[in-house]
Amino acid sequence: MEIPSKVSVFNTTLEFKGKPALLVAINDQGFYETVLEVQGRNHTVLFPVAETVLIFNEALPAAASDFEIER
């Protein structure tokens, strides 16, 4: 995963269901640092990792998903 990267944000607190954003960092305090458009202007927004789902817009190449996980 590369940062910065375009993502879709899902967060129940703000009722975001796939809001487009740019992920710029994941900080040590447990927040995603994003830039997203709010009312026509770009804002830096911190989302708690525990309450937020990010889906990267760029899909993994087919070869990257061809691996086994040891359990």
Protein backbone atom coordinates (compact mmCIF):
# COMPACT_ATOMS: atom_id res chain seq x y z
CA MET A 1 0.00 0.00 0.00
CA GLU A 2 1.40 3.35 -0.99
CA ILE A 3 0.79 6.60 0.83
CA PRO A 4 -0.53 9.02 -0.30
CA SER A 5 -3.32 7.03 -1.88
CA LYS A 6 -6.91 7.63 -2.97
CA VAL A 7 -9.38 5.85 -0.69
CA SER A 8 -13.09 5.57 0.09
CA VAL A 9 -13.95 6.32 3.74
CA PHE A 10 -16.64 4.51 5.73
CA ASN A 11 -17.33 6.00 9.19
CA THR A 12 -20.60 5.68 11.13
CA THR A 13 -19.99 8.72 13.35
CA LEU A 14 -19.95 11.08 10.37
CA GLU A 15 -22.27 8.84 8.33
CA PHE A 16 -19.71 8.53 5.52
CA LYS A 17 -20.45 5.66 3.19
CA GLY A 18 -17.67 5.65 0.61
CA LYS A 19 -16.66 9.32 0.83
CA PRO A 20 -13.67 9.91 -1.50
CA ALA A 21 -10.50 11.04 0.28
CA LEU A 22 -6.73 11.06 0.05
CA LEU A 23 -4.93 9.06 2.74
CA VAL A 24 -1.76 10.95 3.62
CA ALA A 25 -0.60 9.16 6.82
CA ILE A 26 -1.39 6.65 9.53
CA ASN A 27 -0.13 8.18 12.76
CA ASP A 28 1.16 6.49 15.92
CA GLN A 29 -1.81 7.72 17.98
CA GLY A 30 -4.23 5.52 16.02
CA PHE A 31 -5.63 7.91 13.43
CA TYR A 32 -5.83 7.95 9.66
CA GLU A 33 -4.84 11.40 8.38
CA THR A 34 -6.87 12.19 5.30
CA VAL A 35 -7.66 15.11 3.04
CA LEU A 36 -11.25 15.30 1.88
CA GLU A 37 -13.64 17.78 0.38
CA VAL A 38 -16.19 19.33 2.73
CA GLN A 39 -18.50 22.04 1.41
CA GLY A 40 -16.35 22.59 -1.67
CA ARG A 41 -13.04 22.98 0.18
CA ASN A 42 -10.28 20.49 1.05
CA HIS A 43 -9.79 19.79 4.77
CA THR A 44 -7.44 17.59 6.77
CA VAL A 45 -9.54 15.10 8.75
CA LEU A 46 -8.32 12.59 11.33
CA PHE A 47 -10.32 9.37 11.58
CA PRO A 48 -9.84 6.88 14.44
CA VAL A 49 -8.53 3.60 13.03
CA ALA A 50 -10.81 1.57 15.33
CA GLU A 51 -13.99 3.21 13.98
CA THR A 52 -13.14 3.70 10.31
CA VAL A 53 -12.85 1.50 7.24
CA LEU A 54 -10.75 2.62 4.28
CA ILE A 55 -10.93 0.94 0.90
CA PHE A 56 -8.10 1.77 -1.45
CA ASN A 57 -9.38 2.80 -4.89
CA GLU A 58 -6.47 1.09 -6.66
CA ALA A 59 -7.09 -2.67 -6.71
CA LEU A 60 -4.23 -5.11 -6.13
CA PRO A 61 -2.80 -6.79 -9.21
CA ALA A 62 -4.01 -10.36 -9.71
CA ALA A 63 -0.56 -11.77 -8.86
CA ALA A 64 -0.55 -10.01 -5.47
CA SER A 65 -3.67 -11.87 -4.35
CA ASP A 66 -2.21 -15.29 -5.23
CA PHE A 67 -0.63 -16.20 -1.90
CA GLU A 68 -1.26 -18.52 1.04
CA ILE A 69 -1.71 -17.50 4.66
CA GLU A 70 -0.24 -19.70 7.38
CA ARG A 71 -2.59 -20.36 10.27
